[in-house]
PDB file of N, CA and C in Angstrom:
ATOM      1  N   UNK A   1      -8.283 -13.705   1.029  1.00  0.00           N
ATOM      2  CA  UNK A   1      -7.141 -12.791   0.999  1.00  0.00           C
ATOM      3  C   UNK A   1      -6.810 -12.360  -0.434  1.00  0.00           C
ATOM      4  N   UNK A   2      -7.354 -13.078  -1.399  1.00  0.00           N
ATOM      5  CA  UNK A   2      -7.128 -12.710  -2.798  1.00  0.00           C
ATOM      6  C   UNK A   2      -8.433 -12.301  -3.468  1.00  0.00           C
ATOM      7  N   UNK A   3      -9.271 -11.603  -2.722  1.00  0.00           N
ATOM      8  CA  UNK A   3     -10.543 -11.180  -3.277  1.00  0.00           C
ATOM      9  C   UNK A   3     -10.353  -9.954  -4.162  1.00  0.00           C
ATOM     10  N   UNK A   4     -11.348  -9.705  -4.964  1.00  0.00           N
ATOM     11  CA  UNK A   4     -11.304  -8.561  -5.861  1.00  0.00           C
ATOM     12  C   UNK A   4     -10.931  -8.971  -7.272  1.00  0.00           C
ATOM     13  N   UNK A   5     -10.849  -7.971  -8.125  1.00  0.00           N
ATOM     14  CA  UNK A   5     -10.541  -8.209  -9.527  1.00  0.00           C
ATOM     15  C   UNK A   5      -9.072  -8.620  -9.686  1.00  0.00           C
ATOM     16  N   UNK A   6      -8.866  -9.823 -10.210  1.00  0.00           N
ATOM     17  CA  UNK A   6      -7.505 -10.379 -10.275  1.00  0.00           C
ATOM     18  C   UNK A   6      -6.541  -9.503 -11.070  1.00  0.00           C
ATOM     19  N   UNK A   7      -6.993  -8.932 -12.155  1.00  0.00           N
ATOM     20  CA  UNK A   7      -6.114  -8.084 -12.966  1.00  0.00           C
ATOM     21  C   UNK A   7      -5.588  -6.901 -12.145  1.00  0.00           C
ATOM     22  N   UNK A   8      -6.444  -6.344 -11.317  1.00  0.00           N
ATOM     23  CA  UNK A   8      -6.047  -5.193 -10.495  1.00  0.00           C
ATOM     24  C   UNK A   8      -5.095  -5.600  -9.375  1.00  0.00           C
ATOM     25  N   UNK A   9      -5.413  -6.692  -8.643  1.00  0.00           N
ATOM     26  CA  UNK A   9      -4.520  -7.064  -7.541  1.00  0.00           C
ATOM     27  C   UNK A   9      -3.222  -7.661  -8.047  1.00  0.00           C
ATOM     28  N   UNK A  10      -3.230  -8.182  -9.259  1.00  0.00           N
ATOM     29  CA  UNK A  10      -1.993  -8.705  -9.834  1.00  0.00           C
ATOM     30  C   UNK A  10      -0.997  -7.572 -10.089  1.00  0.00           C
ATOM     31  N   UNK A  11      -1.493  -6.394 -10.431  1.00  0.00           N
ATOM     32  CA  UNK A  11      -0.617  -5.224 -10.604  1.00  0.00           C
ATOM     33  C   UNK A  11       0.073  -4.876  -9.283  1.00  0.00           C
ATOM     34  N   UNK A  12      -0.662  -4.990  -8.191  1.00  0.00           N
ATOM     35  CA  UNK A  12      -0.083  -4.741  -6.873  1.00  0.00           C
ATOM     36  C   UNK A  12       0.987  -5.788  -6.562  1.00  0.00           C
ATOM     37  N   UNK A  13       0.676  -7.036  -6.852  1.00  0.00           N
ATOM     38  CA  UNK A  13       1.606  -8.131  -6.599  1.00  0.00           C
ATOM     39  C   UNK A  13       2.907  -7.939  -7.381  1.00  0.00           C
ATOM     40  N   UNK A  14       2.788  -7.557  -8.645  1.00  0.00           N
ATOM     41  CA  UNK A  14       3.967  -7.384  -9.499  1.00  0.00           C
ATOM     42  C   UNK A  14       4.831  -6.193  -9.049  1.00  0.00           C
ATOM     43  N   UNK A  15       4.236  -5.213  -8.416  1.00  0.00           N
ATOM     44  CA  UNK A  15       4.967  -4.020  -7.983  1.00  0.00           C
ATOM     45  C   UNK A  15       5.711  -4.230  -6.663  1.00  0.00           C
ATOM     46  N   UNK A  16       5.370  -5.258  -5.911  1.00  0.00           N
ATOM     47  CA  UNK A  16       5.948  -5.449  -4.574  1.00  0.00           C
ATOM     48  C   UNK A  16       7.477  -5.509  -4.538  1.00  0.00           C
ATOM     49  N   UNK A  17       8.152  -6.233  -5.435  1.00  0.00           N
ATOM     50  CA  UNK A  17       9.626  -6.240  -5.362  1.00  0.00           C
ATOM     51  C   UNK A  17      10.246  -4.847  -5.496  1.00  0.00           C
ATOM     52  N   UNK A  18       9.703  -4.038  -6.410  1.00  0.00           N
ATOM     53  CA  UNK A  18      10.223  -2.674  -6.587  1.00  0.00           C
ATOM     54  C   UNK A  18       9.935  -1.829  -5.350  1.00  0.00           C
ATOM     55  N   UNK A  19       8.758  -2.000  -4.777  1.00  0.00           N
ATOM     56  CA  UNK A  19       8.407  -1.254  -3.563  1.00  0.00           C
ATOM     57  C   UNK A  19       9.291  -1.663  -2.394  1.00  0.00           C
ATOM     58  N   UNK A  20       9.559  -2.949  -2.274  1.00  0.00           N
ATOM     59  CA  UNK A  20      10.446  -3.442  -1.206  1.00  0.00           C
ATOM     60  C   UNK A  20      11.849  -2.842  -1.351  1.00  0.00           C
ATOM     61  N   UNK A  21      12.294  -2.709  -2.582  1.00  0.00           N
ATOM     62  CA  UNK A  21      13.615  -2.113  -2.829  1.00  0.00           C
ATOM     63  C   UNK A  21      13.640  -0.648  -2.399  1.00  0.00           C
ATOM     64  N   UNK A  22      12.584   0.081  -2.719  1.00  0.00           N
ATOM     65  CA  UNK A  22      12.491   1.476  -2.294  1.00  0.00           C
ATOM     66  C   UNK A  22      12.496   1.580  -0.772  1.00  0.00           C
ATOM     67  N   UNK A  23      11.803   0.657  -0.122  1.00  0.00           N
ATOM     68  CA  UNK A  23      11.754   0.654   1.343  1.00  0.00           C
ATOM     69  C   UNK A  23      13.130   0.343   1.925  1.00  0.00           C
ATOM     70  N   UNK A  24      13.816  -0.622   1.357  1.00  0.00           N
ATOM     71  CA  UNK A  24      15.155  -0.988   1.813  1.00  0.00           C
ATOM     72  C   UNK A  24      16.122   0.191   1.665  1.00  0.00           C
ATOM     73  N   UNK A  25      15.953   0.936   0.576  1.00  0.00           N
ATOM     74  CA  UNK A  25      16.816   2.100   0.319  1.00  0.00           C
ATOM     75  C   UNK A  25      16.370   3.344   1.083  1.00  0.00           C
ATOM     76  N   UNK A  26      15.306   3.232   1.859  1.00  0.00           N
ATOM     77  CA  UNK A  26      14.723   4.357   2.606  1.00  0.00           C
ATOM     78  C   UNK A  26      14.360   5.523   1.689  1.00  0.00           C
ATOM     79  N   UNK A  27      13.901   5.183   0.495  1.00  0.00           N
ATOM     80  CA  UNK A  27      13.458   6.202  -0.464  1.00  0.00           C
ATOM     81  C   UNK A  27      11.966   6.450  -0.216  1.00  0.00           C
ATOM     82  N   UNK A  28      11.688   7.082   0.919  1.00  0.00           N
ATOM     83  CA  UNK A  28      10.328   7.196   1.433  1.00  0.00           C
ATOM     84  C   UNK A  28       9.394   7.987   0.542  1.00  0.00           C
ATOM     85  N   UNK A  29       9.865   9.094  -0.017  1.00  0.00           N
ATOM     86  CA  UNK A  29       8.984   9.936  -0.840  1.00  0.00           C
ATOM     87  C   UNK A  29       8.529   9.186  -2.093  1.00  0.00           C
ATOM     88  N   UNK A  30       9.458   8.540  -2.778  1.00  0.00           N
ATOM     89  CA  UNK A  30       9.111   7.787  -3.987  1.00  0.00           C
ATOM     90  C   UNK A  30       8.238   6.589  -3.621  1.00  0.00           C
ATOM     91  N   UNK A  31       8.536   5.952  -2.489  1.00  0.00           N
ATOM     92  CA  UNK A  31       7.730   4.824  -2.028  1.00  0.00           C
ATOM     93  C   UNK A  31       6.291   5.257  -1.777  1.00  0.00           C
ATOM     94  N   UNK A  32       6.117   6.361  -1.083  1.00  0.00           N
ATOM     95  CA  UNK A  32       4.772   6.846  -0.780  1.00  0.00           C
ATOM     96  C   UNK A  32       4.017   7.197  -2.057  1.00  0.00           C
ATOM     97  N   UNK A  33       4.674   7.875  -2.977  1.00  0.00           N
ATOM     98  CA  UNK A  33       4.026   8.244  -4.237  1.00  0.00           C
ATOM     99  C   UNK A  33       3.653   7.002  -5.044  1.00  0.00           C
ATOM    100  N   UNK A  34       4.545   6.031  -5.083  1.00  0.00           N
ATOM    101  CA  UNK A  34       4.280   4.797  -5.830  1.00  0.00           C
ATOM    102  C   UNK A  34       3.117   4.030  -5.226  1.00  0.00           C
ATOM    103  N   UNK A  35       3.129   3.885  -3.913  1.00  0.00           N
ATOM    104  CA  UNK A  35       2.046   3.175  -3.233  1.00  0.00           C
ATOM    105  C   UNK A  35       0.717   3.881  -3.447  1.00  0.00           C
ATOM    106  N   UNK A  36       0.721   5.183  -3.313  1.00  0.00           N
ATOM    107  CA  UNK A  36      -0.490   5.971  -3.476  1.00  0.00           C
ATOM    108  C   UNK A  36      -1.067   5.787  -4.878  1.00  0.00           C
ATOM    109  N   UNK A  37      -0.196   5.828  -5.878  1.00  0.00           N
ATOM    110  CA  UNK A  37      -0.635   5.652  -7.266  1.00  0.00           C
ATOM    111  C   UNK A  37      -1.226   4.256  -7.477  1.00  0.00           C
ATOM    112  N   UNK A  38      -0.540   3.237  -6.964  1.00  0.00           N
ATOM    113  CA  UNK A  38      -1.016   1.862  -7.115  1.00  0.00           C
ATOM    114  C   UNK A  38      -2.359   1.648  -6.414  1.00  0.00           C
ATOM    115  N   UNK A  39      -2.495   2.191  -5.222  1.00  0.00           N
ATOM    116  CA  UNK A  39      -3.738   2.036  -4.478  1.00  0.00           C
ATOM    117  C   UNK A  39      -4.891   2.758  -5.166  1.00  0.00           C
ATOM    118  N   UNK A  40      -4.607   3.911  -5.749  1.00  0.00           N
ATOM    119  CA  UNK A  40      -5.644   4.635  -6.497  1.00  0.00           C
ATOM    120  C   UNK A  40      -6.072   3.843  -7.726  1.00  0.00           C
ATOM    121  N   UNK A  41      -5.092   3.248  -8.405  1.00  0.00           N
ATOM    122  CA  UNK A  41      -5.397   2.456  -9.603  1.00  0.00           C
ATOM    123  C   UNK A  41      -6.228   1.223  -9.255  1.00  0.00           C
ATOM    124  N   UNK A  42      -5.961   0.622  -8.104  1.00  0.00           N
ATOM    125  CA  UNK A  42      -6.722  -0.567  -7.680  1.00  0.00           C
ATOM    126  C   UNK A  42      -8.141  -0.174  -7.291  1.00  0.00           C
ATOM    127  N   UNK A  43      -8.285   1.001  -6.716  1.00  0.00           N
ATOM    128  CA  UNK A  43      -9.594   1.529  -6.363  1.00  0.00           C
ATOM    129  C   UNK A  43     -10.440   0.582  -5.539  1.00  0.00           C
ATOM    130  N   UNK A  44     -11.729   0.652  -5.754  1.00  0.00           N
ATOM    131  CA  UNK A  44     -12.667  -0.179  -5.018  1.00  0.00           C
ATOM    132  C   UNK A  44     -12.807  -1.580  -5.589  1.00  0.00           C
ATOM    133  N   UNK A  45     -12.111  -1.849  -6.684  1.00  0.00           N
ATOM    134  CA  UNK A  45     -12.203  -3.170  -7.310  1.00  0.00           C
ATOM    135  C   UNK A  45     -11.410  -4.222  -6.548  1.00  0.00           C
ATOM    136  N   UNK A  46     -10.538  -3.759  -5.649  1.00  0.00           N
ATOM    137  CA  UNK A  46      -9.770  -4.659  -4.793  1.00  0.00           C
ATOM    138  C   UNK A  46     -10.051  -4.236  -3.349  1.00  0.00           C
ATOM    139  N   UNK A  47     -10.649  -5.109  -2.546  1.00  0.00           N
ATOM    140  CA  UNK A  47     -10.963  -4.736  -1.157  1.00  0.00           C
ATOM    141  C   UNK A  47      -9.705  -4.544  -0.309  1.00  0.00           C
ATOM    142  N   UNK A  48      -9.834  -3.770   0.753  1.00  0.00           N
ATOM    143  CA  UNK A  48      -8.698  -3.481   1.632  1.00  0.00           C
ATOM    144  C   UNK A  48      -8.120  -4.734   2.274  1.00  0.00           C
ATOM    145  N   UNK A  49      -8.906  -5.800   2.370  1.00  0.00           N
ATOM    146  CA  UNK A  49      -8.449  -7.036   3.000  1.00  0.00           C
ATOM    147  C   UNK A  49      -7.613  -7.905   2.065  1.00  0.00           C
ATOM    148  N   UNK A  50      -7.537  -7.547   0.790  1.00  0.00           N
ATOM    149  CA  UNK A  50      -6.719  -8.300  -0.157  1.00  0.00           C
ATOM    150  C   UNK A  50      -5.263  -8.261   0.298  1.00  0.00           C
ATOM    151  N   UNK A  51      -4.605  -9.397   0.274  1.00  0.00           N
ATOM    152  CA  UNK A  51      -3.232  -9.535   0.768  1.00  0.00           C
ATOM    153  C   UNK A  51      -2.281  -8.523   0.139  1.00  0.00           C
ATOM    154  N   UNK A  52      -2.342  -8.359  -1.160  1.00  0.00           N
ATOM    155  CA  UNK A  52      -1.407  -7.473  -1.845  1.00  0.00           C
ATOM    156  C   UNK A  52      -1.741  -6.008  -1.611  1.00  0.00           C
ATOM    157  N   UNK A  53      -3.027  -5.673  -1.570  1.00  0.00           N
ATOM    158  CA  UNK A  53      -3.410  -4.290  -1.274  1.00  0.00           C
ATOM    159  C   UNK A  53      -3.022  -3.942   0.159  1.00  0.00           C
ATOM    160  N   UNK A  54      -3.159  -4.905   1.052  1.00  0.00           N
ATOM    161  CA  UNK A  54      -2.784  -4.688   2.446  1.00  0.00           C
ATOM    162  C   UNK A  54      -1.282  -4.435   2.574  1.00  0.00           C
ATOM    163  N   UNK A  55      -0.476  -5.193   1.849  1.00  0.00           N
ATOM    164  CA  UNK A  55       0.982  -4.999   1.902  1.00  0.00           C
ATOM    165  C   UNK A  55       1.387  -3.636   1.350  1.00  0.00           C
ATOM    166  N   UNK A  56       0.759  -3.225   0.250  1.00  0.00           N
ATOM    167  CA  UNK A  56       1.068  -1.913  -0.335  1.00  0.00           C
ATOM    168  C   UNK A  56       0.616  -0.803   0.616  1.00  0.00           C
ATOM    169  N   UNK A  57      -0.544  -0.967   1.214  1.00  0.00           N
ATOM    170  CA  UNK A  57      -1.043   0.027   2.172  1.00  0.00           C
ATOM    171  C   UNK A  57      -0.115   0.111   3.382  1.00  0.00           C
ATOM    172  N   UNK A  58       0.379  -1.020   3.828  1.00  0.00           N
ATOM    173  CA  UNK A  58       1.322  -1.060   4.948  1.00  0.00           C
ATOM    174  C   UNK A  58       2.612  -0.306   4.611  1.00  0.00           C
ATOM    175  N   UNK A  59       3.094  -0.469   3.403  1.00  0.00           N
ATOM    176  CA  UNK A  59       4.310   0.243   2.996  1.00  0.00           C
ATOM    177  C   UNK A  59       4.059   1.744   2.886  1.00  0.00           C
ATOM    178  N   UNK A  60       2.869   2.114   2.414  1.00  0.00           N
ATOM    179  CA  UNK A  60       2.510   3.534   2.366  1.00  0.00           C
ATOM    180  C   UNK A  60       2.470   4.110   3.777  1.00  0.00           C
ATOM    181  N   UNK A  61       1.945   3.336   4.718  1.00  0.00           N
ATOM    182  CA  UNK A  61       1.915   3.748   6.118  1.00  0.00           C
ATOM    183  C   UNK A  61       3.326   3.980   6.654  1.00  0.00           C
ATOM    184  N   UNK A  62       4.230   3.036   6.396  1.00  0.00           N
ATOM    185  CA  UNK A  62       5.625   3.181   6.843  1.00  0.00           C
ATOM    186  C   UNK A  62       6.272   4.420   6.242  1.00  0.00           C
ATOM    187  N   UNK A  63       6.033   4.636   4.956  1.00  0.00           N
ATOM    188  CA  UNK A  63       6.625   5.794   4.286  1.00  0.00           C
ATOM    189  C   UNK A  63       6.083   7.094   4.875  1.00  0.00           C
ATOM    190  N   UNK A  64       4.781   7.162   5.086  1.00  0.00           N
ATOM    191  CA  UNK A  64       4.172   8.376   5.647  1.00  0.00           C
ATOM    192  C   UNK A  64       4.712   8.664   7.044  1.00  0.00           C
ATOM    193  N   UNK A  65       4.894   7.613   7.848  1.00  0.00           N
ATOM    194  CA  UNK A  65       5.456   7.800   9.192  1.00  0.00           C
ATOM    195  C   UNK A  65       6.877   8.339   9.102  1.00  0.00           C
ATOM    196  N   UNK A  66       7.698   7.755   8.242  1.00  0.00           N
ATOM    197  CA  UNK A  66       9.079   8.205   8.108  1.00  0.00           C
ATOM    198  C   UNK A  66       9.188   9.615   7.546  1.00  0.00           C
ATOM    199  N   UNK A  67       8.179  10.036   6.781  1.00  0.00           N
ATOM    200  CA  UNK A  67       8.164  11.405   6.248  1.00  0.00           C
ATOM    201  C   UNK A  67       7.449  12.369   7.197  1.00  0.00           C
ATOM    202  N   UNK A  68       7.001  11.829   8.347  1.00  0.00           N
ATOM    203  CA  UNK A  68       6.280  12.606   9.356  1.00  0.00           C
ATOM    204  C   UNK A  68       5.024  13.262   8.793  1.00  0.00           C
ATOM    205  N   UNK A  69       4.362  12.554   7.900  1.00  0.00           N
ATOM    206  CA  UNK A  69       3.080  13.005   7.346  1.00  0.00           C
ATOM    207  C   UNK A  69       1.987  12.267   8.124  1.00  0.00           C
ATOM    208  N   UNK A  70       1.706  12.798   9.303  1.00  0.00           N
ATOM    209  CA  UNK A  70       0.879  12.100  10.271  1.00  0.00           C
ATOM    210  C   UNK A  70      -0.556  11.871   9.825  1.00  0.00           C
ATOM    211  N   UNK A  71      -1.166  12.847   9.171  1.00  0.00           N
ATOM    212  CA  UNK A  71      -2.550  12.695   8.708  1.00  0.00           C
ATOM    213  C   UNK A  71      -2.645  11.567   7.683  1.00  0.00           C
ATOM    214  N   UNK A  72      -1.700  11.533   6.772  1.00  0.00           N
ATOM    215  CA  UNK A  72      -1.695  10.480   5.755  1.00  0.00           C
ATOM    216  C   UNK A  72      -1.405   9.121   6.393  1.00  0.00           C
ATOM    217  N   UNK A  73      -0.490   9.096   7.355  1.00  0.00           N
ATOM    218  CA  UNK A  73      -0.177   7.849   8.057  1.00  0.00           C
ATOM    219  C   UNK A  73      -1.423   7.326   8.766  1.00  0.00           C
ATOM    220  N   UNK A  74      -2.154   8.206   9.402  1.00  0.00           N
ATOM    221  CA  UNK A  74      -3.387   7.805  10.085  1.00  0.00           C
ATOM    222  C   UNK A  74      -4.398   7.233   9.099  1.00  0.00           C
ATOM    223  N   UNK A  75      -4.524   7.868   7.945  1.00  0.00           N
ATOM    224  CA  UNK A  75      -5.466   7.402   6.923  1.00  0.00           C
ATOM    225  C   UNK A  75      -5.109   5.985   6.462  1.00  0.00           C
ATOM    226  N   UNK A  76      -3.834   5.739   6.198  1.00  0.00           N
ATOM    227  CA  UNK A  76      -3.406   4.399   5.781  1.00  0.00           C
ATOM    228  C   UNK A  76      -3.539   3.394   6.930  1.00  0.00           C
ATOM    229  N   UNK A  77      -3.219   3.830   8.118  1.00  0.00           N
ATOM    230  CA  UNK A  77      -3.328   2.940   9.278  1.00  0.00           C
ATOM    231  C   UNK A  77      -4.763   2.494   9.518  1.00  0.00           C
ATOM    232  N   UNK A  78      -5.710   3.410   9.338  1.00  0.00           N
ATOM    233  CA  UNK A  78      -7.112   3.068   9.527  1.00  0.00           C
ATOM    234  C   UNK A  78      -7.590   2.058   8.492  1.00  0.00           C
ATOM    235  N   UNK A  79      -7.002   2.089   7.296  1.00  0.00           N
ATOM    236  CA  UNK A  79      -7.375   1.119   6.267  1.00  0.00           C
ATOM    237  C   UNK A  79      -6.874  -0.287   6.591  1.00  0.00           C
ATOM    238  N   UNK A  80      -5.746  -0.385   7.293  1.00  0.00           N
ATOM    239  CA  UNK A  80      -5.191  -1.705   7.606  1.00  0.00           C
ATOM    240  C   UNK A  80      -5.819  -2.325   8.854  1.00  0.00           C
ATOM    241  N   UNK A  81      -6.395  -1.503   9.707  1.00  0.00           N
ATOM    242  CA  UNK A  81      -6.921  -1.958  10.983  1.00  0.00           C
ATOM    243  C   UNK A  81      -7.924  -3.131  10.889  1.00  0.00           C
ATOM    244  N   UNK A  82      -8.955  -3.035  10.064  1.00  0.00           N
ATOM    245  CA  UNK A  82      -9.925  -4.147  10.020  1.00  0.00           C
ATOM    246  C   UNK A  82      -9.290  -5.484   9.624  1.00  0.00           C
ATOM    247  N   UNK A  83      -8.370  -5.459   8.696  1.00  0.00           N
ATOM    248  CA  UNK A  83      -7.730  -6.706   8.250  1.00  0.00           C
ATOM    249  C   UNK A  83      -6.880  -7.322   9.345  1.00  0.00           C
ATOM    250  N   UNK A  84      -6.227  -6.497  10.141  1.00  0.00           N
ATOM    251  CA  UNK A  84      -5.364  -7.007  11.197  1.00  0.00           C
ATOM    252  C   UNK A  84      -6.139  -7.430  12.441  1.00  0.00           C
ATOM    253  N   UNK A  85      -7.376  -6.954  12.574  1.00  0.00           N
ATOM    254  CA  UNK A  85      -8.198  -7.367  13.717  1.00  0.00           C
ATOM    255  C   UNK A  85      -8.576  -8.809  13.517  1.00  0.00           C
TER     256      UNK A  85
END
């Protein structure tokens, strides 16, 4: 669950409290942009099954759903599917 380059997934881990706050405040647009930026920065160096990347991807999915951005929500949802299976 902690596979990948530690420096990269640690950035995701450190961002989680701020992302959780955005989610609590229902600041969906900023949450989606933040998650998207973090996931791009992590790139392929952190696999989708990594615990922290999965949590950030899940929050991006929630934000996309709340913003009714269905194509983006589907894209994030498909990334979480293998880990949850």
